[in-house]
Every structure is written in C-alpha cells, then in structure tokens.
Amino acid sequence: MRITKRALVPLGLVAAASVALAGCVSSGGSDDAGGTVTYWGAFYAPTTEEAFQEIFVDGFNAENDTQVDMEVKELTTLGQLTDTAVAAGESPDIVYADGPSAASDFARADRTVDLGGYAEEYGWQDAFLPWAYELSTIDGSMRSVPASYGSMVLYYNAAVFEEHGWTPPTTLEEFEQVAQEADDAGMVPLGGGNAGYQGMSEWLITAVFNAAVGPEKIHDVLTGEAEFTDPEFVAAIELVESWIDKGWLAGGAESYFTTDDTANVTGLANGTTAMYLSGTWSFNSLTEVFEDPEQWAWAPLPSLSDDVEPGVFPLAIGTQLSVSADAEDPDAAAAFLDYVAGDVDRALEYTARTGENPRLCR
C-alpha cells in the first residue's frame, strides 16, 4: 500500500473504509439536565441503521439526561434535504454535510456554531488525523467534525475472474485487456452510472485522476500550482470518454445515466459486470448482495499511466457533522458529536458489525 500525505486529498465523495483505528479518547457524556438533540441519519441497510441506533444513539442516551432523537432519511437525498432545511432555519440540531466543502458553506453562512471551545474541551485536535482536523477548520477555528472517511478501490467477482483466468489489473494495459475480454464475453467491462446519485460521477473521476494523474498532481491543482486544463487531466478525461465510446463504461453513454450503484453491485454478483470503481463504503452493499460473501473481492486502483505507480489509495472525508446555529442545547449536541466521532471502541464495534463507516480518528 502506498499512501502519502499528498494522497490524502478530498476529491469527490468518499464515505467509509474498514480500517483499524487506535488512539481515540472520548470525554464521555453531557451534564445537561434534560432535553432532546435531533439528528437525521441515513443508512445503506436496516442492519446498519440498527447498529448505529444501538451503539451511538442508545449508548449516548443511556449515559446522559439529554436524549438524542434520530429520524431516518433516504441516503441518496439526505444532502439535498439538509441543504433545504439549513437554508430555511429548520435543520436538526446535528447538521450533516457531504464532506468539508459543504460543511464550510454552512459555516460561512453562519448556519452552524463555532466548535472551537468544544474542540479544546474534548481534545479533538489530538483525537483526529491532522489533515482531517485542518479541513474541518475555517480561519483557524473548528466548525465541523470529520465523521467518516474512505477510499476508492476496484471491485470484482473473484469467481468470474477465476473462470476467465483474469487477475486484478495493475496497469492500464492489463486493465484494458480484461475490459476487452469482458466485452467480448458479453459483459459490461466497467460498472458505472449516476442514476441514483449524481455524485457517483465524482467517485469515478476521483479514481481515474488518482490512477492516471497521481496524487501529487492533484495536490498541485487543488493548491493552484496546476490547472485542470493541463495535458494530464485532459488525457484522463479523454480516457474515460474512450471507455464510454467503446461501451466499456456502464455499457455506453445512454445507460450510464440510467444505472445506479445497486445495479452495478448486482451486476458484479450475477457476473454481468466485470469490474467496478467505487468507494470502500460499498463493502456493506456487496456483502448484502452476494450470496457468498467470499466471492466479492477488491484491489487497489491500477495505474492508468506510466507516471503513476499502481496501488494509490485516495483517502478523503465523506461525512462532516456540525451543530446547528438554531440548536436549543449546543453543549449537548457537541457532546453527541464527540460520542459519535471520538471513541475507538465504539468505532471498531460499529465497523465490526456493519463493515462500514468507522469514526475518523487517530
């Protein structure tokens, strides 16, 4: 595995990874005398919702007078629903955001509170990874909590690969060889599509840019030292275009816009899709869809150019949580943020039960 500091760049939406965590310390609960903290949750499966409810919501409620009331929403519309509610001043006490950018928009509009005092009280600067803490601050003050993270990988059906004599590709040549042979066999070589969630296109571009351009060049373009119009980025987009033109990506342009994540995962399971570039948050979905969980497998991103070594893992924050400016009890809301994001034992218990969304801490 090759993960450099510059590889830790948030590009697109990535949400969760099954990784070992260590070193987070939670300060415990709130001393408030009562009341309710409202929270909107969204989950991939009923089992995931159940685990979050038991570990984080019920656990917090058992230790505190203030009670958390979780209302479950649709996963694909939670971001848009939250945007509307925040703008109208009707958001829950805990504000969800699809990463640091969305959270910073809420902060700059003064729709969420300054968490600087809570960060000091709960020791968040020591609890969270330095780059994640930095991305959660605006003008030196913490305005949101990084709640989950993940990476982009290449999924495949191990049984299908064995049947055809394929191995996970590590270079562009190997990738295109598998894609051509899959196409010849009547399969969709590479799953894709944004029918269920338009941000899925960002997942694809995240993977391709990291594999074809490289983390260092992405760092440069995001810091203003390079441009998206530079030849490397143009070549990467042209590569995706060539996959679409050949019908390799999602079966072509028309089907790309009518295919969702569920269809891609199902295609892997039934052997009609050969490969799928997606996030580690899909671990849970694949386990649910495959009859034999041992049949689905994943590999690091292959290199898509001679300038990038195989095995890049783009890592970024997928979920940020803030406290609404309209929260009746911001102290209790901040205590719940710490309960959700600041303890390694709860993080590992949740990951062990669901295979997704560990808390983002050291």
Protein backbone atom coordinates (compact mmCIF):
# COMPACT_ATOMS: atom_id res chain seq x y z
CA MET A 1 0.00 0.00 0.00
CA ARG A 2 1.35 3.42 -0.94
CA ILE A 3 -0.33 6.26 0.92
CA THR A 4 1.48 9.56 1.04
CA LYS A 5 0.47 12.78 2.73
CA ARG A 6 -0.38 14.26 -0.63
CA ALA A 7 -2.59 11.26 -1.37
CA LEU A 8 -4.87 12.36 1.44
CA VAL A 9 -6.77 14.78 -0.75
CA PRO A 10 -10.57 15.07 -0.68
CA LEU A 11 -11.74 14.84 -4.29
CA GLY A 12 -15.31 13.72 -4.82
CA LEU A 13 -17.43 11.95 -2.29
CA VAL A 14 -15.91 9.13 -0.34
CA ALA A 15 -17.51 7.84 2.75
CA ALA A 16 -16.17 4.85 4.66
CA ALA A 17 -13.45 2.24 4.95
CA SER A 18 -12.95 -0.85 7.07
CA VAL A 19 -9.65 0.03 8.71
CA ALA A 20 -8.05 -0.48 12.09
CA LEU A 21 -8.23 2.56 14.34
CA ALA A 22 -6.37 3.34 17.50
CA GLY A 23 -5.89 6.10 19.99
CA CYS A 24 -9.21 7.99 20.12
CA VAL A 25 -10.34 9.09 23.55
CA SER A 26 -13.85 10.24 24.29
CA SER A 27 -14.56 12.59 27.13
CA GLY A 28 -17.86 10.91 27.96
CA GLY A 29 -21.29 12.45 28.11
CA SER A 30 -23.05 15.69 28.81
CA ASP A 31 -24.02 17.03 32.23
CA ASP A 32 -27.16 18.71 30.93
CA ALA A 33 -30.37 18.27 32.91
CA GLY A 34 -32.52 17.06 30.03
CA GLY A 35 -33.90 17.96 26.64
CA THR A 36 -33.55 16.48 23.18
CA VAL A 37 -30.91 16.62 20.45
CA THR A 38 -32.30 15.98 16.96
CA TYR A 39 -30.31 14.08 14.34
CA TRP A 40 -31.02 12.87 10.81
CA GLY A 41 -29.44 9.56 9.87
CA ALA A 42 -29.33 7.64 6.58
CA PHE A 43 -28.09 4.10 6.04
CA TYR A 44 -27.33 1.53 3.35
CA ALA A 45 -29.18 -1.29 5.08
CA PRO A 46 -31.51 -1.94 8.04
CA THR A 47 -28.70 -3.78 9.82
CA THR A 48 -26.51 -0.68 9.59
CA GLU A 49 -29.27 1.53 10.94
CA GLU A 50 -29.81 -0.89 13.81
CA ALA A 51 -26.13 -0.89 14.71
CA PHE A 52 -25.89 2.92 14.68
CA GLN A 53 -29.03 3.22 16.78
CA GLU A 54 -27.79 0.77 19.40
CA ILE A 55 -24.13 1.80 19.59
CA PHE A 56 -24.34 5.56 19.25
CA VAL A 57 -27.89 6.75 19.91
CA ASP A 58 -28.98 4.30 22.60
CA GLY A 59 -25.49 4.30 24.08
CA PHE A 60 -25.45 8.08 24.41
CA ASN A 61 -28.99 8.19 25.75
CA ALA A 62 -28.16 5.63 28.44
CA GLU A 63 -25.31 7.80 29.72
CA ASN A 64 -26.95 11.24 29.52
CA ASP A 65 -30.04 13.07 30.68
CA THR A 66 -30.28 14.78 27.30
CA GLN A 67 -31.66 12.34 24.76
CA VAL A 68 -30.83 12.05 21.06
CA ASP A 69 -33.80 11.60 18.74
CA MET A 70 -32.72 10.13 15.38
CA GLU A 71 -35.00 10.46 12.37
CA VAL A 72 -34.04 8.22 9.44
CA LYS A 73 -33.98 9.72 5.94
CA GLU A 74 -33.22 8.43 2.44
CA LEU A 75 -29.48 8.11 1.90
CA THR A 76 -29.49 9.49 -1.64
CA THR A 77 -31.44 12.63 -0.71
CA LEU A 78 -30.07 13.41 2.76
CA GLY A 79 -27.63 16.04 1.49
CA GLN A 80 -30.24 17.94 -0.52
CA LEU A 81 -32.79 17.65 2.28
CA THR A 82 -30.29 19.05 4.76
CA ASP A 83 -29.36 21.93 2.44
CA THR A 84 -33.01 22.95 2.20
CA ALA A 85 -33.61 22.64 5.94
CA VAL A 86 -30.50 24.65 6.84
CA ALA A 87 -31.45 27.44 4.44
CA ALA A 88 -34.93 27.57 5.97
CA GLY A 89 -33.65 27.54 9.55
CA GLU A 90 -35.36 24.20 10.17
CA SER A 91 -32.42 21.82 10.34
CA PRO A 92 -31.93 19.24 13.07
CA ASP A 93 -29.52 20.10 15.89
CA ILE A 94 -26.81 17.93 14.27
CA VAL A 95 -26.18 19.11 10.70
CA TYR A 96 -24.99 16.55 8.14
CA ALA A 97 -22.72 17.53 5.24
CA ASP A 98 -21.23 15.55 2.34
CA GLY A 99 -17.69 16.46 3.35
CA PRO A 100 -15.71 19.58 4.33
CA SER A 101 -16.80 21.76 1.40
CA ALA A 102 -20.50 21.52 2.19
CA ALA A 103 -19.81 21.97 5.91
CA SER A 104 -17.77 25.11 5.22
CA ASP A 105 -20.66 26.56 3.20
CA PHE A 106 -22.95 26.16 6.21
CA ALA A 107 -20.33 27.75 8.47
CA ARG A 108 -19.72 30.77 6.23
CA ALA A 109 -23.47 31.35 6.10
CA ASP A 110 -23.48 31.34 9.95
CA ARG A 111 -25.88 28.39 10.00
CA THR A 112 -23.64 26.32 12.28
CA VAL A 113 -21.83 27.17 15.50
CA ASP A 114 -18.13 27.67 16.21
CA LEU A 115 -16.86 24.42 17.75
CA GLY A 116 -13.50 25.82 18.83
CA GLY A 117 -14.31 25.67 22.52
CA TYR A 118 -15.63 22.13 22.25
CA ALA A 119 -12.59 21.09 20.25
CA GLU A 120 -10.41 22.21 23.13
CA GLU A 121 -12.69 20.66 25.76
CA TYR A 122 -12.83 17.27 24.06
CA GLY A 123 -9.29 17.25 22.72
CA TRP A 124 -10.33 16.90 19.09
CA GLN A 125 -7.05 18.24 17.74
CA ASP A 126 -5.30 15.26 19.30
CA ALA A 127 -8.10 12.82 18.51
CA PHE A 128 -8.42 13.37 14.76
CA LEU A 129 -5.90 12.94 11.98
CA PRO A 130 -4.09 16.26 11.42
CA TRP A 131 -5.17 16.69 7.80
CA ALA A 132 -8.80 15.89 8.69
CA TYR A 133 -8.75 18.37 11.57
CA GLU A 134 -7.31 21.04 9.30
CA LEU A 135 -10.02 20.51 6.70
CA SER A 136 -12.62 20.93 9.45
CA THR A 137 -11.41 24.41 10.39
CA ILE A 138 -12.20 27.83 8.96
CA ASP A 139 -9.98 30.78 9.85
CA GLY A 140 -8.29 28.64 12.49
CA SER A 141 -11.49 27.60 14.27
CA MET A 142 -13.09 24.17 14.05
CA ARG A 143 -16.56 24.37 12.55
CA SER A 144 -17.42 20.70 11.95
CA VAL A 145 -16.35 17.21 12.99
CA PRO A 146 -14.99 14.67 10.46
CA ALA A 147 -17.25 11.68 10.98
CA SER A 148 -16.22 9.16 8.33
CA TYR A 149 -13.75 8.57 5.56
CA GLY A 150 -12.97 6.11 2.81
CA SER A 151 -11.05 5.32 -0.34
CA MET A 152 -11.65 4.32 -3.94
CA VAL A 153 -10.88 0.74 -4.99
CA LEU A 154 -11.51 -1.70 -7.84
CA TYR A 155 -14.22 -4.29 -7.12
CA TYR A 156 -14.57 -7.58 -8.95
CA ASN A 157 -16.19 -11.02 -8.70
CA ALA A 158 -13.45 -13.45 -7.70
CA ALA A 159 -15.25 -16.44 -9.20
CA VAL A 160 -15.74 -14.68 -12.54
CA PHE A 161 -12.10 -13.63 -12.64
CA GLU A 162 -11.00 -17.18 -11.89
CA GLU A 163 -13.30 -18.58 -14.57
CA HIS A 164 -11.80 -16.31 -17.23
CA GLY A 165 -8.22 -16.55 -15.99
CA TRP A 166 -8.06 -12.87 -15.09
CA THR A 167 -6.08 -11.27 -12.30
CA PRO A 168 -6.76 -7.81 -10.85
CA PRO A 169 -5.11 -5.37 -13.28
CA THR A 170 -2.26 -3.19 -12.05
CA THR A 171 -1.53 -1.28 -15.26
CA LEU A 172 -3.59 0.40 -17.98
CA GLU A 173 -2.60 -2.34 -20.45
CA GLU A 174 -3.79 -5.06 -18.08
CA PHE A 175 -6.97 -3.13 -17.30
CA GLU A 176 -7.86 -2.71 -20.96
CA GLN A 177 -7.06 -6.35 -21.70
CA VAL A 178 -9.54 -7.51 -19.06
CA ALA A 179 -12.06 -4.93 -20.29
CA GLN A 180 -11.76 -6.11 -23.91
CA GLU A 181 -12.10 -9.77 -22.98
CA ALA A 182 -15.08 -8.99 -20.76
CA ASP A 183 -16.69 -7.07 -23.62
CA ASP A 184 -16.07 -9.99 -25.97
CA ALA A 185 -17.77 -12.27 -23.42
CA GLY A 186 -20.88 -10.09 -23.42
CA MET A 187 -20.20 -8.48 -20.05
CA VAL A 188 -20.13 -4.82 -19.06
CA PRO A 189 -16.38 -4.36 -18.53
CA LEU A 190 -16.66 -1.50 -16.01
CA GLY A 191 -19.70 -0.68 -13.94
CA GLY A 192 -20.78 2.93 -13.66
CA GLY A 193 -23.72 5.31 -13.69
CA ASN A 194 -25.23 8.12 -11.68
CA ALA A 195 -28.97 7.46 -11.88
CA GLY A 196 -29.34 7.00 -8.12
CA TYR A 197 -26.89 9.70 -7.04
CA GLN A 198 -25.18 12.21 -9.33
CA GLY A 199 -22.14 12.31 -7.05
CA MET A 200 -21.24 8.85 -8.33
CA SER A 201 -19.62 10.62 -11.29
CA GLU A 202 -17.29 12.27 -8.78
CA TRP A 203 -16.33 8.86 -7.42
CA LEU A 204 -15.34 7.74 -10.91
CA ILE A 205 -13.30 10.86 -11.64
CA THR A 206 -11.66 10.64 -8.22
CA ALA A 207 -10.43 7.14 -9.03
CA VAL A 208 -9.34 7.97 -12.58
CA PHE A 209 -7.50 11.18 -11.66
CA ASN A 210 -5.61 9.46 -8.85
CA ALA A 211 -4.72 6.49 -11.05
CA ALA A 212 -3.96 8.43 -14.25
CA VAL A 213 -2.61 11.76 -12.99
CA GLY A 214 -1.43 10.90 -9.50
CA PRO A 215 -1.89 12.35 -6.00
CA GLU A 216 0.95 14.85 -6.33
CA LYS A 217 -0.52 16.49 -9.43
CA ILE A 218 -3.98 16.56 -7.80
CA HIS A 219 -2.44 18.32 -4.82
CA ASP A 220 -0.89 20.86 -7.18
CA VAL A 221 -4.13 21.61 -9.00
CA LEU A 222 -6.08 22.00 -5.75
CA THR A 223 -3.49 24.42 -4.38
CA GLY A 224 -3.37 26.50 -7.56
CA GLU A 225 0.01 25.26 -8.77
CA ALA A 226 -1.54 23.45 -11.75
CA GLU A 227 -4.71 23.62 -13.85
CA PHE A 228 -7.40 21.10 -14.70
CA THR A 229 -6.74 22.03 -18.31
CA ASP A 230 -3.19 20.67 -18.08
CA PRO A 231 -2.46 17.81 -20.51
CA GLU A 232 -2.50 15.10 -17.80
CA PHE A 233 -6.04 15.91 -16.71
CA VAL A 234 -7.28 16.29 -20.29
CA ALA A 235 -5.81 12.87 -21.13
CA ALA A 236 -7.54 11.32 -18.12
CA ILE A 237 -10.94 12.64 -19.19
CA GLU A 238 -10.30 11.50 -22.77
CA LEU A 239 -9.52 8.04 -21.38
CA VAL A 240 -12.94 7.90 -19.70
CA GLU A 241 -14.52 9.17 -22.90
CA SER A 242 -12.89 6.32 -24.81
CA TRP A 243 -14.36 3.79 -22.37
CA ILE A 244 -17.80 5.27 -22.93
CA ASP A 245 -17.41 5.29 -26.71
CA LYS A 246 -16.40 1.61 -26.66
CA GLY A 247 -19.32 0.74 -24.42
CA TRP A 248 -16.95 -0.39 -21.71
CA LEU A 249 -18.20 2.03 -19.04
CA ALA A 250 -21.75 1.18 -17.94
CA GLY A 251 -22.47 -0.15 -21.42
CA GLY A 252 -22.24 3.30 -23.00
CA ALA A 253 -23.38 6.89 -22.59
CA GLU A 254 -27.12 6.23 -22.60
CA SER A 255 -27.09 3.51 -19.97
CA TYR A 256 -24.65 5.48 -17.78
CA PHE A 257 -27.43 7.89 -16.87
CA THR A 258 -29.93 5.12 -16.14
CA THR A 259 -27.69 2.91 -14.00
CA ASP A 260 -27.30 3.24 -10.23
CA ASP A 261 -25.00 1.80 -7.59
CA THR A 262 -27.38 -1.07 -6.79
CA ALA A 263 -27.39 -2.19 -10.42
CA ASN A 264 -23.59 -2.13 -10.52
CA VAL A 265 -23.21 -4.17 -7.36
CA THR A 266 -25.88 -6.61 -8.56
CA GLY A 267 -24.08 -6.87 -11.92
CA LEU A 268 -20.89 -7.90 -10.13
CA ALA A 269 -22.80 -10.50 -8.14
CA ASN A 270 -24.54 -12.11 -11.12
CA GLY A 271 -21.48 -11.96 -13.37
CA THR A 272 -22.77 -9.47 -15.94
CA THR A 273 -20.33 -6.74 -14.84
CA ALA A 274 -16.61 -7.44 -14.70
CA MET A 275 -15.20 -4.55 -12.63
CA TYR A 276 -16.46 -1.54 -10.70
CA LEU A 277 -14.53 1.52 -9.48
CA SER A 278 -16.25 2.66 -6.31
CA GLY A 279 -15.71 3.54 -2.67
CA THR A 280 -14.97 1.38 0.30
CA TRP A 281 -18.40 2.26 1.68
CA SER A 282 -19.72 -0.37 -0.77
CA PHE A 283 -18.27 -3.17 1.37
CA ASN A 284 -21.61 -3.39 3.15
CA SER A 285 -23.65 -3.36 -0.07
CA LEU A 286 -21.57 -6.13 -1.62
CA THR A 287 -21.93 -8.30 1.45
CA GLU A 288 -25.70 -7.83 1.28
CA VAL A 289 -25.99 -8.63 -2.45
CA PHE A 290 -23.56 -11.52 -2.90
CA GLU A 291 -25.00 -14.86 -1.78
CA ASP A 292 -21.45 -15.95 -0.96
CA PRO A 293 -19.62 -13.02 0.69
CA GLU A 294 -16.33 -14.74 -0.08
CA GLN A 295 -16.87 -14.24 -3.84
CA TRP A 296 -16.62 -10.47 -3.96
CA ALA A 297 -13.15 -9.01 -3.82
CA TRP A 298 -11.35 -5.72 -4.24
CA ALA A 299 -7.94 -4.49 -5.33
CA PRO A 300 -6.07 -1.18 -5.25
CA LEU A 301 -6.55 1.16 -8.18
CA PRO A 302 -4.48 0.10 -11.18
CA SER A 303 -2.07 2.56 -12.72
CA LEU A 304 -3.67 4.27 -15.71
CA SER A 305 -0.49 5.99 -16.90
CA ASP A 306 3.25 5.41 -16.89
CA ASP A 307 3.68 8.30 -14.43
CA VAL A 308 1.65 6.75 -11.59
CA GLU A 309 2.62 3.66 -9.66
CA PRO A 310 -0.10 1.05 -9.01
CA GLY A 311 -1.71 0.93 -5.62
CA VAL A 312 -2.78 4.52 -4.93
CA PHE A 313 -5.49 4.80 -2.26
CA PRO A 314 -7.19 8.23 -2.49
CA LEU A 315 -8.37 8.99 1.03
CA ALA A 316 -10.86 11.69 1.94
CA ILE A 317 -13.58 12.70 4.36
CA GLY A 318 -17.07 11.68 3.35
CA THR A 319 -19.20 12.96 6.20
CA GLN A 320 -18.91 16.08 8.35
CA LEU A 321 -21.17 16.84 11.29
CA SER A 322 -21.82 20.30 12.71
CA VAL A 323 -24.06 21.86 15.35
CA SER A 324 -26.91 23.98 14.03
CA ALA A 325 -26.95 27.67 14.90
CA ASP A 326 -30.58 27.10 15.91
CA ALA A 327 -29.84 24.22 18.31
CA GLU A 328 -31.52 24.75 21.68
CA ASP A 329 -28.72 22.96 23.52
CA PRO A 330 -25.44 23.22 21.57
CA ASP A 331 -23.48 21.78 24.51
CA ALA A 332 -25.47 18.53 24.39
CA ALA A 333 -25.24 18.44 20.59
CA ALA A 334 -21.45 18.81 20.76
CA ALA A 335 -21.33 16.03 23.35
CA PHE A 336 -23.11 13.75 20.88
CA LEU A 337 -20.61 14.70 18.15
CA ASP A 338 -17.83 13.60 20.46
CA TYR A 339 -19.68 10.38 21.29
CA VAL A 340 -20.09 9.54 17.61
CA ALA A 341 -16.67 10.56 16.34
CA GLY A 342 -14.27 10.39 19.26
CA ASP A 343 -14.02 6.88 20.68
CA VAL A 344 -12.09 3.97 19.15
CA ASP A 345 -14.02 1.19 20.90
CA ARG A 346 -17.37 2.34 19.57
CA ALA A 347 -15.80 2.89 16.14
CA LEU A 348 -14.44 -0.64 15.98
CA GLU A 349 -17.68 -2.14 17.28
CA TYR A 350 -19.64 -0.33 14.58
CA THR A 351 -17.19 -1.35 11.85
CA ALA A 352 -17.19 -4.96 13.01
CA ARG A 353 -20.98 -5.13 12.89
CA THR A 354 -21.52 -3.28 9.62
CA GLY A 355 -18.29 -3.26 7.61
CA GLU A 356 -18.58 0.47 7.01
CA ASN A 357 -18.17 3.99 8.35
CA PRO A 358 -15.56 3.87 11.10
CA ARG A 359 -15.21 7.13 13.01
CA LEU A 360 -12.40 9.31 11.73
CA CYS A 361 -9.77 9.44 14.45
CA ARG A 362 -6.17 8.53 15.06
